[in-house]
C-alpha atoms as a PDB file:
ATOM      1  CA  MET A   1     166.595  14.127  39.283  1.00  0.00           C
ATOM      2  CA  PRO A   2     165.683  11.014  41.304  1.00  0.00           C
ATOM      3  CA  ILE A   3     163.166   8.347  40.352  1.00  0.00           C
ATOM      4  CA  ILE A   4     160.899   7.338  43.236  1.00  0.00           C
ATOM      5  CA  CYS A   5     159.529   3.789  42.848  1.00  0.00           C
ATOM      6  CA  MET A   6     156.223   3.025  44.547  1.00  0.00           C
ATOM      7  CA  HIS A   7     155.047  -0.540  45.149  1.00  0.00           C
ATOM      8  CA  GLY A   8     151.677  -2.299  45.152  1.00  0.00           C
ATOM      9  CA  ILE A   9     149.490  -3.625  47.965  1.00  0.00           C
ATOM     10  CA  GLY A  10     151.317  -6.934  48.308  1.00  0.00           C
ATOM     11  CA  GLY A  11     154.772  -5.495  47.755  1.00  0.00           C
ATOM     12  CA  ASP A  12     157.420  -3.367  49.404  1.00  0.00           C
ATOM     13  CA  SER A  13     160.530  -1.468  48.375  1.00  0.00           C
ATOM     14  CA  SER A  14     162.158  -4.696  47.137  1.00  0.00           C
ATOM     15  CA  SER A  15     159.418  -5.054  44.503  1.00  0.00           C
ATOM     16  CA  PHE A  16     161.527  -2.735  42.338  1.00  0.00           C
ATOM     17  CA  ARG A  17     164.732  -4.740  42.681  1.00  0.00           C
ATOM     18  CA  PRO A  18     165.283  -4.951  38.878  1.00  0.00           C
ATOM     19  CA  GLN A  19     165.087  -1.172  38.662  1.00  0.00           C
ATOM     20  CA  LEU A  20     167.255  -0.609  41.736  1.00  0.00           C
ATOM     21  CA  GLU A  21     169.892  -2.983  40.377  1.00  0.00           C
ATOM     22  CA  LYS A  22     169.979  -1.916  36.722  1.00  0.00           C
ATOM     23  CA  LEU A  23     168.211   1.394  36.117  1.00  0.00           C
ATOM     24  CA  SER A  24     170.297   2.940  38.885  1.00  0.00           C
ATOM     25  CA  ASP A  25     173.307   2.640  36.578  1.00  0.00           C
ATOM     26  CA  ASP A  26     171.951   5.721  34.788  1.00  0.00           C
ATOM     27  CA  TYR A  27     169.650   7.441  37.297  1.00  0.00           C
ATOM     28  CA  PRO A  28     169.325   7.881  41.072  1.00  0.00           C
ATOM     29  CA  VAL A  29     166.595   5.354  41.945  1.00  0.00           C
ATOM     30  CA  ILE A  30     164.884   5.260  45.339  1.00  0.00           C
ATOM     31  CA  SER A  31     162.249   2.682  46.286  1.00  0.00           C
ATOM     32  CA  TRP A  32     159.707   3.915  48.840  1.00  0.00           C
ATOM     33  CA  ASN A  33     157.928   1.806  51.449  1.00  0.00           C
ATOM     34  CA  MET A  34     154.345   2.994  51.862  1.00  0.00           C
ATOM     35  CA  PRO A  35     153.311   3.590  55.497  1.00  0.00           C
ATOM     36  CA  GLY A  36     153.088   0.269  57.313  1.00  0.00           C
ATOM     37  CA  TYR A  37     155.412  -1.512  54.868  1.00  0.00           C
ATOM     38  CA  GLY A  38     159.043  -2.482  55.342  1.00  0.00           C
ATOM     39  CA  GLY A  39     158.931  -1.722  59.047  1.00  0.00           C
ATOM     40  CA  SER A  40     157.703   1.839  58.519  1.00  0.00           C
ATOM     41  CA  GLU A  41     155.088   3.470  60.732  1.00  0.00           C
ATOM     42  CA  ARG A  42     151.528   2.419  59.964  1.00  0.00           C
ATOM     43  CA  LEU A  43     149.071   5.083  58.854  1.00  0.00           C
ATOM     44  CA  GLU A  44     145.703   4.677  60.542  1.00  0.00           C
ATOM     45  CA  ASN A  45     142.674   4.970  58.264  1.00  0.00           C
ATOM     46  CA  PRO A  46     144.764   5.683  55.174  1.00  0.00           C
ATOM     47  CA  THR A  47     143.352   7.765  52.340  1.00  0.00           C
ATOM     48  CA  PHE A  48     144.992   8.704  49.065  1.00  0.00           C
ATOM     49  CA  PRO A  49     145.497  12.338  50.102  1.00  0.00           C
ATOM     50  CA  LYS A  50     147.163  11.108  53.316  1.00  0.00           C
ATOM     51  CA  LEU A  51     149.415   8.733  51.363  1.00  0.00           C
ATOM     52  CA  ALA A  52     150.391  11.540  48.986  1.00  0.00           C
ATOM     53  CA  GLU A  53     151.149  13.738  51.988  1.00  0.00           C
ATOM     54  CA  ARG A  54     153.409  11.030  53.426  1.00  0.00           C
ATOM     55  CA  LEU A  55     155.219  10.731  50.108  1.00  0.00           C
ATOM     56  CA  ILE A  56     155.839  14.473  50.053  1.00  0.00           C
ATOM     57  CA  ALA A  57     157.130  14.280  53.637  1.00  0.00           C
ATOM     58  CA  PHE A  58     159.489  11.516  52.463  1.00  0.00           C
ATOM     59  CA  LEU A  59     160.780  13.743  49.658  1.00  0.00           C
ATOM     60  CA  ASP A  60     161.187  16.626  52.102  1.00  0.00           C
ATOM     61  CA  ALA A  61     163.196  14.428  54.462  1.00  0.00           C
ATOM     62  CA  LEU A  62     165.565  13.655  51.593  1.00  0.00           C
ATOM     63  CA  SER A  63     165.662  17.319  50.480  1.00  0.00           C
ATOM     64  CA  ILE A  64     164.159  16.384  47.101  1.00  0.00           C
ATOM     65  CA  ASP A  65     162.267  19.292  45.561  1.00  0.00           C
ATOM     66  CA  LYS A  66     161.003  17.409  42.511  1.00  0.00           C
ATOM     67  CA  ALA A  67     161.072  13.783  41.394  1.00  0.00           C
ATOM     68  CA  HIS A  68     160.010  11.336  38.722  1.00  0.00           C
ATOM     69  CA  LEU A  69     157.332   9.044  40.211  1.00  0.00           C
ATOM     70  CA  CYS A  70     157.219   5.435  39.034  1.00  0.00           C
ATOM     71  CA  GLY A  71     154.298   3.547  40.586  1.00  0.00           C
ATOM     72  CA  GLN A  72     152.988   0.014  40.182  1.00  0.00           C
ATOM     73  CA  SER A  73     149.349  -0.860  40.989  1.00  0.00           C
ATOM     74  CA  ILE A  74     148.257   1.181  44.030  1.00  0.00           C
ATOM     75  CA  GLY A  75     151.691   2.824  43.913  1.00  0.00           C
ATOM     76  CA  GLY A  76     150.677   4.265  40.557  1.00  0.00           C
ATOM     77  CA  MET A  77     147.454   5.517  42.088  1.00  0.00           C
ATOM     78  CA  VAL A  78     149.387   7.289  44.836  1.00  0.00           C
ATOM     79  CA  ALA A  79     151.635   8.744  42.142  1.00  0.00           C
ATOM     80  CA  MET A  80     148.602  10.116  40.264  1.00  0.00           C
ATOM     81  CA  GLU A  81     147.126  11.478  43.490  1.00  0.00           C
ATOM     82  CA  THR A  82     150.407  13.231  44.266  1.00  0.00           C
ATOM     83  CA  ALA A  83     150.570  14.719  40.767  1.00  0.00           C
ATOM     84  CA  CYS A  84     147.050  16.098  41.252  1.00  0.00           C
ATOM     85  CA  LEU A  85     147.649  17.529  44.734  1.00  0.00           C
ATOM     86  CA  TYR A  86     151.314  18.538  44.463  1.00  0.00           C
ATOM     87  CA  PRO A  87     151.985  19.134  40.747  1.00  0.00           C
ATOM     88  CA  ASP A  88     155.084  21.239  41.401  1.00  0.00           C
ATOM     89  CA  ARG A  89     156.790  18.270  43.083  1.00  0.00           C
ATOM     90  CA  VAL A  90     156.291  15.765  40.242  1.00  0.00           C
ATOM     91  CA  ALA A  91     158.472  15.837  37.113  1.00  0.00           C
ATOM     92  CA  SER A  92     156.894  12.855  35.360  1.00  0.00           C
ATOM     93  CA  LEU A  93     154.741   9.781  35.909  1.00  0.00           C
ATOM     94  CA  ALA A  94     155.534   6.188  34.962  1.00  0.00           C
ATOM     95  CA  LEU A  95     152.358   4.200  35.600  1.00  0.00           C
ATOM     96  CA  VAL A  96     152.902   0.441  35.725  1.00  0.00           C
ATOM     97  CA  GLY A  97     149.925  -1.929  35.890  1.00  0.00           C
ATOM     98  CA  THR A  98     147.596   0.667  37.370  1.00  0.00           C
ATOM     99  CA  THR A  99     144.290   2.387  36.646  1.00  0.00           C
ATOM    100  CA  SER A 100     142.900   5.885  37.060  1.00  0.00           C
ATOM    101  CA  ALA A 101     140.035   4.701  39.269  1.00  0.00           C
ATOM    102  CA  PHE A 102     138.998   1.630  41.210  1.00  0.00           C
ATOM    103  CA  GLY A 103     136.705  -0.566  39.118  1.00  0.00           C
ATOM    104  CA  GLY A 104     132.998  -0.445  39.766  1.00  0.00           C
ATOM    105  CA  ARG A 105     130.858   2.616  40.170  1.00  0.00           C
ATOM    106  CA  ASP A 106     128.720   1.681  43.163  1.00  0.00           C
ATOM    107  CA  ASP A 107     129.278   0.780  46.805  1.00  0.00           C
ATOM    108  CA  SER A 108     127.928  -2.750  46.438  1.00  0.00           C
ATOM    109  CA  PHE A 109     130.758  -3.649  44.067  1.00  0.00           C
ATOM    110  CA  LYS A 110     133.316  -2.133  46.444  1.00  0.00           C
ATOM    111  CA  ASP A 111     131.815  -3.995  49.395  1.00  0.00           C
ATOM    112  CA  ARG A 112     131.935  -7.309  47.516  1.00  0.00           C
ATOM    113  CA  PHE A 113     135.552  -6.677  46.526  1.00  0.00           C
ATOM    114  CA  ILE A 114     136.638  -5.932  50.083  1.00  0.00           C
ATOM    115  CA  ALA A 115     134.763  -8.956  51.437  1.00  0.00           C
ATOM    116  CA  ALA A 116     136.305 -11.271  48.838  1.00  0.00           C
ATOM    117  CA  ARG A 117     139.843 -10.018  49.451  1.00  0.00           C
ATOM    118  CA  LEU A 118     139.564 -10.193  53.239  1.00  0.00           C
ATOM    119  CA  LYS A 119     137.519 -13.408  53.502  1.00  0.00           C
ATOM    120  CA  PRO A 120     140.583 -15.713  53.620  1.00  0.00           C
ATOM    121  CA  LEU A 121     142.066 -13.651  56.471  1.00  0.00           C
ATOM    122  CA  ASP A 122     138.745 -13.632  58.305  1.00  0.00           C
ATOM    123  CA  ALA A 123     138.729 -17.411  57.956  1.00  0.00           C
ATOM    124  CA  GLY A 124     142.112 -17.662  59.680  1.00  0.00           C
ATOM    125  CA  LYS A 125     144.593 -17.658  56.799  1.00  0.00           C
ATOM    126  CA  THR A 126     147.839 -15.750  57.247  1.00  0.00           C
ATOM    127  CA  ILE A 127     149.167 -13.212  54.761  1.00  0.00           C
ATOM    128  CA  ALA A 128     151.998 -15.632  53.974  1.00  0.00           C
ATOM    129  CA  GLU A 129     149.495 -18.364  53.149  1.00  0.00           C
ATOM    130  CA  LEU A 130     147.508 -15.941  51.040  1.00  0.00           C
ATOM    131  CA  ALA A 131     150.658 -14.984  49.134  1.00  0.00           C
ATOM    132  CA  GLU A 132     151.266 -18.578  48.035  1.00  0.00           C
ATOM    133  CA  SER A 133     148.223 -18.597  45.776  1.00  0.00           C
ATOM    134  CA  PHE A 134     147.734 -14.891  45.163  1.00  0.00           C
ATOM    135  CA  VAL A 135     151.109 -14.191  43.543  1.00  0.00           C
ATOM    136  CA  THR A 136     150.807 -16.997  40.996  1.00  0.00           C
ATOM    137  CA  ASP A 137     147.280 -15.816  40.181  1.00  0.00           C
ATOM    138  CA  ILE A 138     148.401 -12.302  39.236  1.00  0.00           C
ATOM    139  CA  THR A 139     151.643 -13.069  37.379  1.00  0.00           C
ATOM    140  CA  GLY A 140     152.002 -14.003  33.720  1.00  0.00           C
ATOM    141  CA  PRO A 141     153.957 -16.721  31.889  1.00  0.00           C
ATOM    142  CA  VAL A 142     157.052 -14.536  31.607  1.00  0.00           C
ATOM    143  CA  ALA A 143     157.517 -14.502  35.401  1.00  0.00           C
ATOM    144  CA  GLY A 144     160.428 -16.688  36.449  1.00  0.00           C
ATOM    145  CA  PRO A 145     160.857 -18.580  39.725  1.00  0.00           C
ATOM    146  CA  GLU A 146     163.052 -15.841  41.219  1.00  0.00           C
ATOM    147  CA  ALA A 147     160.479 -13.112  40.544  1.00  0.00           C
ATOM    148  CA  ILE A 148     157.651 -15.223  41.946  1.00  0.00           C
ATOM    149  CA  ALA A 149     159.634 -16.120  45.075  1.00  0.00           C
ATOM    150  CA  SER A 150     160.538 -12.465  45.603  1.00  0.00           C
ATOM    151  CA  ALA A 151     156.913 -11.373  45.234  1.00  0.00           C
ATOM    152  CA  LYS A 152     155.734 -14.030  47.680  1.00  0.00           C
ATOM    153  CA  ALA A 153     158.348 -12.975  50.237  1.00  0.00           C
ATOM    154  CA  SER A 154     157.346  -9.310  49.935  1.00  0.00           C
ATOM    155  CA  MET A 155     153.666 -10.054  50.381  1.00  0.00           C
ATOM    156  CA  ALA A 156     154.286 -12.442  53.279  1.00  0.00           C
ATOM    157  CA  ALA A 157     156.029  -9.603  55.132  1.00  0.00           C
ATOM    158  CA  VAL A 158     153.053  -7.215  54.918  1.00  0.00           C
ATOM    159  CA  PRO A 159     151.407  -6.782  58.343  1.00  0.00           C
ATOM    160  CA  GLU A 160     147.793  -7.946  58.296  1.00  0.00           C
ATOM    161  CA  GLU A 161     146.453  -4.640  59.650  1.00  0.00           C
ATOM    162  CA  THR A 162     148.281  -2.738  56.927  1.00  0.00           C
ATOM    163  CA  TYR A 163     146.956  -5.092  54.247  1.00  0.00           C
ATOM    164  CA  ARG A 164     143.372  -4.716  55.473  1.00  0.00           C
ATOM    165  CA  ASP A 165     143.684  -0.922  55.649  1.00  0.00           C
ATOM    166  CA  ILE A 166     145.135  -0.575  52.150  1.00  0.00           C
ATOM    167  CA  ILE A 167     142.563  -2.901  50.569  1.00  0.00           C
ATOM    168  CA  ARG A 168     139.823  -0.638  51.921  1.00  0.00           C
ATOM    169  CA  CYS A 169     141.695   2.464  50.821  1.00  0.00           C
ATOM    170  CA  LEU A 170     142.108   1.089  47.285  1.00  0.00           C
ATOM    171  CA  THR A 171     138.361   1.094  46.673  1.00  0.00           C
ATOM    172  CA  THR A 172     138.145   4.873  47.217  1.00  0.00           C
ATOM    173  CA  PHE A 173     140.461   5.890  44.388  1.00  0.00           C
ATOM    174  CA  ASN A 174     139.030   7.905  41.518  1.00  0.00           C
ATOM    175  CA  ARG A 175     141.049  10.261  39.358  1.00  0.00           C
ATOM    176  CA  ARG A 176     139.289   9.126  36.173  1.00  0.00           C
ATOM    177  CA  ASN A 177     138.372  12.659  35.134  1.00  0.00           C
ATOM    178  CA  ASP A 178     141.575  14.327  36.314  1.00  0.00           C
ATOM    179  CA  ILE A 179     144.097  12.487  34.162  1.00  0.00           C
ATOM    180  CA  GLU A 180     142.974  14.458  31.102  1.00  0.00           C
ATOM    181  CA  ASP A 181     144.417  17.567  32.746  1.00  0.00           C
ATOM    182  CA  PHE A 182     147.882  16.152  33.389  1.00  0.00           C
ATOM    183  CA  ASP A 183     150.503  18.582  32.105  1.00  0.00           C
ATOM    184  CA  LEU A 184     153.618  16.480  32.496  1.00  0.00           C
ATOM    185  CA  PRO A 185     155.281  13.542  30.718  1.00  0.00           C
ATOM    186  CA  VAL A 186     153.455  10.258  31.349  1.00  0.00           C
ATOM    187  CA  CYS A 187     154.519   6.718  30.421  1.00  0.00           C
ATOM    188  CA  LEU A 188     152.034   3.858  30.828  1.00  0.00           C
ATOM    189  CA  ILE A 189     153.244   0.245  30.966  1.00  0.00           C
ATOM    190  CA  ALA A 190     150.700  -2.575  30.836  1.00  0.00           C
ATOM    191  CA  GLY A 191     151.031  -6.344  31.119  1.00  0.00           C
ATOM    192  CA  GLU A 192     149.471  -8.536  28.449  1.00  0.00           C
ATOM    193  CA  HIS A 193     147.976 -10.906  31.030  1.00  0.00           C
ATOM    194  CA  ASP A 194     147.181  -8.359  33.760  1.00  0.00           C
ATOM    195  CA  GLN A 195     143.621  -8.818  34.993  1.00  0.00           C
ATOM    196  CA  ASN A 196     143.840  -6.164  37.731  1.00  0.00           C
ATOM    197  CA  ALA A 197     144.850  -3.332  35.397  1.00  0.00           C
ATOM    198  CA  PRO A 198     143.997  -4.745  31.960  1.00  0.00           C
ATOM    199  CA  ALA A 199     146.026  -3.582  28.973  1.00  0.00           C
ATOM    200  CA  LYS A 200     142.819  -2.403  27.286  1.00  0.00           C
ATOM    201  CA  THR A 201     142.045  -0.161  30.273  1.00  0.00           C
ATOM    202  CA  MET A 202     145.545   1.286  30.354  1.00  0.00           C
ATOM    203  CA  ALA A 203     145.456   1.939  26.604  1.00  0.00           C
ATOM    204  CA  SER A 204     142.233   3.905  27.141  1.00  0.00           C
ATOM    205  CA  MET A 205     143.949   5.882  29.897  1.00  0.00           C
ATOM    206  CA  ALA A 206     146.820   6.697  27.566  1.00  0.00           C
ATOM    207  CA  ALA A 207     144.381   7.962  24.950  1.00  0.00           C
ATOM    208  CA  LYS A 208     143.017  10.463  27.487  1.00  0.00           C
ATOM    209  CA  ILE A 209     146.403  11.776  28.642  1.00  0.00           C
ATOM    210  CA  LYS A 210     147.750  14.296  26.168  1.00  0.00           C
ATOM    211  CA  GLY A 211     151.236  13.447  24.918  1.00  0.00           C
ATOM    212  CA  SER A 212     151.528  10.228  26.928  1.00  0.00           C
ATOM    213  CA  GLU A 213     153.177   7.053  25.685  1.00  0.00           C
ATOM    214  CA  TYR A 214     151.853   3.514  26.058  1.00  0.00           C
ATOM    215  CA  HIS A 215     153.644   0.160  26.139  1.00  0.00           C
ATOM    216  CA  GLU A 216     152.337  -3.379  26.511  1.00  0.00           C
ATOM    217  CA  VAL A 217     154.731  -6.025  27.830  1.00  0.00           C
ATOM    218  CA  LYS A 218     153.969  -9.398  26.297  1.00  0.00           C
ATOM    219  CA  GLY A 219     153.759 -12.331  28.673  1.00  0.00           C
ATOM    220  CA  ALA A 220     153.618 -10.176  31.791  1.00  0.00           C
ATOM    221  CA  GLY A 221     150.887 -10.161  34.412  1.00  0.00           C
ATOM    222  CA  HIS A 222     150.292  -7.537  37.094  1.00  0.00           C
ATOM    223  CA  LEU A 223     153.821  -7.365  38.561  1.00  0.00           C
ATOM    224  CA  ILE A 224     155.283  -6.139  35.288  1.00  0.00           C
ATOM    225  CA  ASN A 225     158.419  -4.401  36.530  1.00  0.00           C
ATOM    226  CA  LEU A 226     159.385  -7.459  38.590  1.00  0.00           C
ATOM    227  CA  GLU A 227     158.332 -10.128  36.076  1.00  0.00           C
ATOM    228  CA  ALA A 228     159.877  -8.421  33.058  1.00  0.00           C
ATOM    229  CA  GLY A 229     162.565  -6.273  34.638  1.00  0.00           C
ATOM    230  CA  GLU A 230     164.796  -6.006  31.592  1.00  0.00           C
ATOM    231  CA  GLU A 231     162.009  -4.910  29.250  1.00  0.00           C
ATOM    232  CA  THR A 232     160.550  -2.529  31.806  1.00  0.00           C
ATOM    233  CA  ASN A 233     163.964  -0.967  32.363  1.00  0.00           C
ATOM    234  CA  ALA A 234     164.443  -0.490  28.621  1.00  0.00           C
ATOM    235  CA  ILE A 235     161.088   1.324  28.391  1.00  0.00           C
ATOM    236  CA  LEU A 236     161.844   3.502  31.402  1.00  0.00           C
ATOM    237  CA  ARG A 237     165.400   4.260  30.293  1.00  0.00           C
ATOM    238  CA  ALA A 238     164.130   5.448  26.917  1.00  0.00           C
ATOM    239  CA  PHE A 239     161.341   7.480  28.555  1.00  0.00           C
ATOM    240  CA  TYR A 240     163.625   9.259  30.991  1.00  0.00           C
ATOM    241  CA  GLY A 241     166.245   9.693  28.288  1.00  0.00           C
ATOM    242  CA  ARG A 242     163.788  11.662  26.170  1.00  0.00           C
ATOM    243  CA  LEU A 243     163.126  13.999  29.102  1.00  0.00           C
ATOM    244  CA  GLY A 244     166.767  15.060  29.143  1.00  0.00           C
END
Protein backbone atom coordinates (compact mmCIF):
# COMPACT_ATOMS: atom_id res chain seq x y z
CA MET A 1 0.00 0.00 0.00
CA PRO A 2 1.48 3.39 -0.97
CA ILE A 3 2.56 6.15 1.38
CA ILE A 4 1.40 9.60 0.26
CA CYS A 5 3.64 12.40 1.59
CA MET A 6 2.06 15.82 2.01
CA HIS A 7 4.15 18.97 2.40
CA GLY A 8 3.79 22.22 4.35
CA ILE A 9 2.95 25.76 3.27
CA GLY A 10 6.48 26.67 2.23
CA GLY A 11 7.30 23.30 0.73
CA ASP A 12 6.53 21.09 -2.24
CA SER A 13 6.92 17.45 -3.20
CA SER A 14 10.71 17.69 -2.81
CA SER A 15 10.27 18.45 0.91
CA PHE A 16 10.09 14.68 1.41
CA ARG A 17 13.31 13.92 -0.46
CA PRO A 18 14.79 11.88 2.45
CA GLN A 19 11.70 9.68 2.46
CA LEU A 20 11.56 9.39 -1.33
CA GLU A 21 15.23 8.41 -1.44
CA LYS A 22 15.40 5.99 1.49
CA LEU A 23 11.97 4.92 2.71
CA SER A 24 11.07 3.96 -0.85
CA ASP A 25 13.52 1.07 -0.52
CA ASP A 26 10.81 -0.70 1.49
CA TYR A 27 7.53 0.98 0.50
CA PRO A 28 5.99 2.73 -2.52
CA VAL A 29 6.35 6.42 -1.59
CA ILE A 30 4.61 9.20 -3.50
CA SER A 31 5.05 12.89 -2.68
CA TRP A 32 2.02 15.05 -3.54
CA ASN A 33 2.08 18.69 -4.61
CA MET A 34 -0.88 20.54 -3.11
CA PRO A 35 -2.88 22.59 -5.64
CA GLY A 36 -0.81 25.55 -6.80
CA TYR A 37 2.51 23.91 -5.88
CA GLY A 38 5.08 22.32 -8.16
CA GLY A 39 3.41 23.71 -11.26
CA SER A 40 0.03 22.17 -10.42
CA GLU A 41 -3.26 23.98 -10.98
CA ARG A 42 -4.08 26.56 -8.34
CA LEU A 43 -7.22 26.08 -6.27
CA GLU A 44 -9.13 29.33 -5.84
CA ASN A 45 -10.35 30.07 -2.31
CA PRO A 46 -8.99 26.81 -0.91
CA THR A 47 -10.65 25.17 2.08
CA PHE A 48 -9.66 21.99 3.87
CA PRO A 49 -12.60 20.02 2.46
CA LYS A 50 -11.59 21.17 -1.04
CA LEU A 51 -7.97 20.16 -0.45
CA ALA A 52 -9.07 16.75 0.81
CA GLU A 53 -11.25 16.38 -2.28
CA ARG A 54 -8.27 17.17 -4.50
CA LEU A 55 -6.18 14.59 -2.68
CA ILE A 56 -8.85 11.96 -3.24
CA ALA A 57 -8.98 12.92 -6.93
CA PHE A 58 -5.19 12.44 -7.02
CA LEU A 59 -5.55 8.96 -5.53
CA ASP A 60 -8.32 8.16 -8.01
CA ALA A 61 -6.12 9.25 -10.91
CA LEU A 62 -3.48 6.79 -9.73
CA SER A 63 -6.08 4.04 -9.12
CA ILE A 64 -5.21 3.98 -5.40
CA ASP A 65 -8.14 2.78 -3.30
CA LYS A 66 -6.46 3.27 0.07
CA ALA A 67 -3.20 4.82 1.24
CA HIS A 68 -1.07 5.69 4.23
CA LEU A 69 -1.04 9.50 4.60
CA CYS A 70 2.13 11.14 5.91
CA GLY A 71 1.69 14.90 6.33
CA GLN A 72 3.96 17.64 7.63
CA SER A 73 2.52 20.92 8.99
CA ILE A 74 -0.52 21.88 6.88
CA GLY A 75 0.00 18.61 5.00
CA GLY A 76 -0.79 16.84 8.26
CA MET A 77 -3.91 18.94 8.62
CA VAL A 78 -5.06 17.93 5.14
CA ALA A 79 -4.32 14.33 6.08
CA MET A 80 -6.52 14.62 9.19
CA GLU A 81 -9.26 16.32 7.19
CA THR A 82 -9.16 13.50 4.64
CA ALA A 83 -9.33 10.86 7.37
CA CYS A 84 -12.43 12.59 8.77
CA LEU A 85 -14.20 13.01 5.42
CA TYR A 86 -13.01 9.89 3.59
CA PRO A 87 -12.13 7.33 6.30
CA ASP A 88 -12.37 4.37 3.92
CA ARG A 89 -9.53 5.80 1.81
CA VAL A 90 -7.01 6.25 4.64
CA ALA A 91 -5.08 3.29 6.08
CA SER A 92 -3.03 5.25 8.62
CA LEU A 93 -1.84 8.73 9.55
CA ALA A 94 1.73 9.87 10.18
CA LEU A 95 1.48 13.42 11.51
CA VAL A 96 4.77 15.33 11.38
CA GLY A 97 5.06 18.76 13.03
CA THR A 98 1.34 19.46 12.86
CA THR A 99 -1.59 20.27 15.12
CA SER A 100 -5.25 19.33 15.27
CA ALA A 101 -6.41 22.95 15.05
CA PHE A 102 -5.00 26.35 14.21
CA GLY A 103 -3.88 28.16 17.37
CA GLY A 104 -6.10 30.82 18.82
CA ARG A 105 -9.81 30.62 19.41
CA ASP A 106 -10.99 33.99 18.13
CA ASP A 107 -10.95 35.88 14.84
CA SER A 108 -8.72 38.66 16.13
CA PHE A 109 -5.86 36.21 16.66
CA LYS A 110 -6.37 34.77 13.17
CA ASP A 111 -6.46 38.25 11.64
CA ARG A 112 -3.22 39.23 13.40
CA PHE A 113 -1.55 36.01 12.23
CA ILE A 114 -2.54 36.55 8.60
CA ALA A 115 -1.46 40.20 8.70
CA ALA A 116 1.92 39.32 10.22
CA ARG A 117 2.61 36.55 7.70
CA LEU A 118 1.59 38.63 4.69
CA LYS A 119 3.03 41.99 5.81
CA PRO A 120 6.47 41.39 4.23
CA LEU A 121 4.82 40.55 0.88
CA ASP A 122 2.56 43.59 1.14
CA ALA A 123 5.69 45.66 1.72
CA GLY A 124 7.21 44.40 -1.54
CA LYS A 125 9.29 41.41 -0.46
CA THR A 126 9.35 38.37 -2.73
CA ILE A 127 8.67 34.83 -1.55
CA ALA A 128 12.33 34.02 -2.25
CA GLU A 129 13.43 36.88 0.00
CA LEU A 130 11.00 35.76 2.66
CA ALA A 131 12.40 32.23 2.49
CA GLU A 132 15.91 33.42 3.34
CA SER A 133 14.93 34.35 6.88
CA PHE A 134 11.86 32.21 7.39
CA VAL A 135 13.51 28.81 6.87
CA THR A 136 16.30 29.45 9.38
CA ASP A 137 13.70 30.69 11.88
CA ILE A 138 11.72 27.44 11.81
CA THR A 139 14.54 24.88 11.67
CA GLY A 140 16.47 23.46 14.61
CA PRO A 141 20.19 22.91 15.29
CA VAL A 142 20.13 19.46 13.69
CA ALA A 143 19.33 20.93 10.26
CA GLY A 144 22.34 20.81 7.97
CA PRO A 145 23.21 23.19 5.13
CA GLU A 146 21.76 20.85 2.49
CA ALA A 147 18.39 20.61 4.25
CA ILE A 148 18.22 24.37 4.75
CA ALA A 149 19.14 25.08 1.12
CA SER A 150 16.53 22.59 -0.07
CA ALA A 151 13.84 24.15 2.11
CA LYS A 152 14.70 27.65 0.89
CA ALA A 153 14.54 26.53 -2.74
CA SER A 154 11.14 24.89 -2.21
CA MET A 155 9.68 27.95 -0.54
CA ALA A 156 11.15 30.32 -3.13
CA ALA A 157 9.28 28.39 -5.84
CA VAL A 158 5.85 28.83 -4.22
CA PRO A 159 3.71 31.28 -6.24
CA GLU A 160 2.75 34.31 -4.16
CA GLU A 161 -0.98 33.89 -4.81
CA THR A 162 -0.82 30.28 -3.66
CA TYR A 163 1.10 31.27 -0.52
CA ARG A 164 -1.42 33.98 0.36
CA ASP A 165 -4.36 31.63 -0.24
CA ILE A 166 -2.93 28.81 1.89
CA ILE A 167 -1.99 31.11 4.77
CA ARG A 168 -5.62 32.22 4.95
CA CYS A 169 -6.84 28.65 4.64
CA LEU A 170 -4.56 27.51 7.48
CA THR A 171 -6.38 29.68 10.02
CA THR A 172 -9.68 27.86 9.40
CA PHE A 173 -8.52 24.40 10.45
CA ASN A 174 -10.12 22.79 13.48
CA ARG A 175 -10.38 19.06 14.02
CA ARG A 176 -9.53 19.37 17.73
CA ASN A 177 -12.58 17.40 18.83
CA ASP A 178 -12.55 14.88 15.99
CA ILE A 179 -9.16 13.29 16.57
CA GLU A 180 -10.52 11.42 19.60
CA ASP A 181 -12.71 9.42 17.21
CA PHE A 182 -9.91 8.29 14.90
CA ASP A 183 -10.14 4.53 14.39
CA LEU A 184 -6.91 3.91 12.53
CA PRO A 185 -3.19 3.70 13.34
CA VAL A 186 -1.67 7.13 14.03
CA CYS A 187 1.99 8.07 14.50
CA LEU A 188 2.87 11.57 15.71
CA ILE A 189 6.39 12.97 15.20
CA ALA A 190 7.35 16.23 16.89
CA GLY A 191 10.49 18.36 16.75
CA GLU A 192 12.15 19.41 20.00
CA HIS A 193 12.58 23.01 18.81
CA ASP A 194 9.37 23.32 16.77
CA GLN A 195 7.53 26.51 17.69
CA ASN A 196 4.77 26.11 15.08
CA ALA A 197 3.65 22.67 16.29
CA PRO A 198 5.27 22.44 19.73
CA ALA A 199 6.20 19.01 21.06
CA LYS A 200 4.01 19.62 24.12
CA THR A 201 1.00 20.22 21.87
CA MET A 202 1.65 17.11 19.80
CA ALA A 203 2.09 15.01 22.94
CA SER A 204 -1.34 16.22 24.09
CA MET A 205 -2.77 15.24 20.71
CA ALA A 206 -1.28 11.78 21.05
CA ALA A 207 -2.88 11.39 24.47
CA LYS A 208 -6.30 12.02 22.90
CA ILE A 209 -5.89 9.58 20.00
CA LYS A 210 -6.54 6.04 21.16
CA GLY A 211 -3.68 3.66 20.39
CA SER A 212 -1.47 6.31 18.78
CA GLU A 213 2.29 6.51 19.17
CA TYR A 214 4.34 9.63 19.83
CA HIS A 215 7.97 10.47 19.04
CA GLU A 216 10.03 13.58 19.69
CA VAL A 217 13.07 14.19 17.49
CA LYS A 218 15.80 15.95 19.43
CA GLY A 219 17.41 18.93 17.77
CA ALA A 220 14.76 19.24 15.07
CA GLY A 221 12.60 22.26 14.35
CA HIS A 222 9.45 22.38 12.23
CA LEU A 223 10.78 20.66 9.08
CA ILE A 224 11.44 17.43 10.95
CA ASN A 225 11.36 14.94 8.08
CA LEU A 226 13.78 17.08 6.06
CA GLU A 227 16.05 18.15 8.93
CA ALA A 228 16.30 14.70 10.50
CA GLY A 229 15.57 12.43 7.57
CA GLU A 230 17.35 9.36 8.90
CA GLU A 231 15.63 9.44 12.28
CA THR A 232 12.25 10.21 10.76
CA ASN A 233 12.64 7.31 8.33
CA ALA A 234 13.52 4.94 11.17
CA ILE A 235 10.35 5.97 13.04
CA LEU A 236 8.18 5.62 9.95
CA ARG A 237 9.74 2.32 8.91
CA ALA A 238 9.03 0.85 12.33
CA PHE A 239 5.48 2.26 12.32
CA TYR A 240 4.59 0.88 8.91
CA GLY A 241 6.35 -2.38 9.73
CA ARG A 242 4.04 -2.93 12.69
CA LEU A 243 1.02 -2.48 10.42
CA GLY A 244 2.07 -5.47 8.34
